[in-house]
Structures are given as C-alpha cells and as structure tokens.
Amino acid sequence: QVQLVESGGGLVQAGGSLRLSCATSGRAFSSYTMGWFRQAPGKEREFVAVISWSGGTTYYADSVKGRFTISRDNAKNTVYLEMNSLKAEDTAVYYCAAARRWPAEQRVAVRSYDYWGQGTQVTVSS
C-alpha cells in the first residue's frame, strides 16, 4: 500500500509563491508516475501537472503553464509543486496522486491514478 502525504499549503497573497511537497511511502516510488490535482469548492477535481517516473516528462494544465513547476526527488520519495504568480483562482485543495502506469493521453483523468493523498489547502487572497 502506498501512502501519500501533502504539505506546504497555506494562505498567500496574489502574486506570491508556495511550494507543495508530497512524501510517499513504499520502495516503488521511483517507478510511479506522480501527479497533482486540485479541487475548488463546488467544482470537480481537476488536473494540474504530472511527471514521469524519471522526471524527464512533464505536462501541465493550460491554466498553470508557465507559473507552476512539478519536480521529483526519487532518493527522497518526494514530489514537489512549485507555484509562482499565484492567483485567486488557484485557491483549492491540492492533491498528490500516484499512478502505477504512465497514463499517456489519460494523464488528466482522475481515474488514471491509483493512490491519493488527503490534500493540502491553498488559499490565495486577492
């Protein structure tokens, strides 16, 4: 069983930055595709970013492209989401997710991921 624990959320002013971390258990971390999703009140969970097992391939939602950066440290079993130029519309609970297989064209789909963290709240004040 894989456990994912997010941290780093909080309250920040518009234009500010936050760095989210997701620590995982299990020796298979380096083989997992890792993703970040978010869910705002009253909205469905949406894809933010994904990174391949090696870190060599990344994809981003259009809404965060150029502002957010996903990265991973396989030696630390941790994936990160660096968020810059934050906007009020970035306010949401952010979830870390792991997929046993590279989801390819289904990388934005919630159903493509096998394990989920509990989420961390990010609030951006305008």
Foldseek 3Di string as FASTA:
>chain_A
DKAKAKDWADEEAAQAKIKMKIAMDDLCLLQKKKFKWWDDPPGDIWGAKIAGSVRPDMDGDPVQPPFWDWGDDSVRRMIMIIGGNDDQVVWTWMKMFIANDDPVVCVTPPVRTDDIYPTDTHGYHD
